[in-house]
Amino acid sequence: MFFKGETDIGLLLVAVLSFVKC
């Protein structure tokens, strides 16, 4: 599940950012 696609990384980044923001 590593380097599967930029979309995956982007989604993960958004999720992490959202979690940290919350």
N, C-alpha and C. Protein backbone atom coordinates (compact mmCIF):
# COMPACT_ATOMS: atom_id res chain seq x y z
N MET A 1 0.85 -1.21 0.00
CA MET A 1 0.00 0.00 0.00
C MET A 1 0.88 1.25 0.00
N PHE A 2 2.09 1.12 -0.51
CA PHE A 2 3.01 2.25 -0.52
C PHE A 2 3.24 2.71 -1.96
N PHE A 3 3.16 4.02 -2.16
CA PHE A 3 3.38 4.55 -3.52
C PHE A 3 2.38 3.93 -4.49
N LYS A 4 1.16 3.75 -4.00
CA LYS A 4 0.15 3.14 -4.88
C LYS A 4 -0.37 4.21 -5.86
N GLY A 5 -0.41 5.44 -5.39
CA GLY A 5 -0.89 6.51 -6.27
C GLY A 5 -0.91 7.84 -5.54
N GLU A 6 -0.72 8.91 -6.28
CA GLU A 6 -0.73 10.23 -5.65
C GLU A 6 -2.07 10.51 -4.98
N THR A 7 -3.15 9.97 -5.54
CA THR A 7 -4.48 10.21 -4.96
C THR A 7 -4.53 9.65 -3.54
N ASP A 8 -3.96 8.47 -3.35
CA ASP A 8 -3.96 7.86 -2.01
C ASP A 8 -3.21 8.76 -1.03
N ILE A 9 -2.05 9.23 -1.45
CA ILE A 9 -1.23 10.10 -0.58
C ILE A 9 -2.00 11.38 -0.28
N GLY A 10 -2.63 11.94 -1.29
CA GLY A 10 -3.40 13.18 -1.09
C GLY A 10 -4.53 12.95 -0.11
N LEU A 11 -5.23 11.84 -0.28
CA LEU A 11 -6.34 11.53 0.64
C LEU A 11 -5.83 11.37 2.06
N LEU A 12 -4.72 10.66 2.19
CA LEU A 12 -4.15 10.45 3.53
C LEU A 12 -3.74 11.79 4.13
N LEU A 13 -3.14 12.63 3.33
CA LEU A 13 -2.71 13.96 3.81
C LEU A 13 -3.92 14.75 4.29
N VAL A 14 -4.97 14.74 3.50
CA VAL A 14 -6.19 15.48 3.87
C VAL A 14 -6.76 14.92 5.16
N ALA A 15 -6.77 13.60 5.29
CA ALA A 15 -7.31 12.98 6.51
C ALA A 15 -6.47 13.39 7.71
N VAL A 16 -5.17 13.30 7.58
CA VAL A 16 -4.28 13.68 8.70
C VAL A 16 -4.48 15.15 9.05
N LEU A 17 -4.52 16.00 8.04
CA LEU A 17 -4.70 17.44 8.28
C LEU A 17 -6.03 17.68 8.99
N SER A 18 -7.07 17.02 8.53
CA SER A 18 -8.40 17.19 9.14
C SER A 18 -8.36 16.74 10.60
N PHE A 19 -7.71 15.59 10.83
CA PHE A 19 -7.63 15.05 12.19
C PHE A 19 -6.87 16.03 13.10
N VAL A 20 -5.75 16.54 12.62
CA VAL A 20 -4.94 17.47 13.42
C VAL A 20 -5.72 18.77 13.65
N LYS A 21 -6.41 19.22 12.62
CA LYS A 21 -7.17 20.47 12.73
C LYS A 21 -8.27 20.32 13.78
N CYS A 22 -8.89 19.13 13.78
CA CYS A 22 -9.98 18.91 14.73
C CYS A 22 -9.42 18.77 16.13
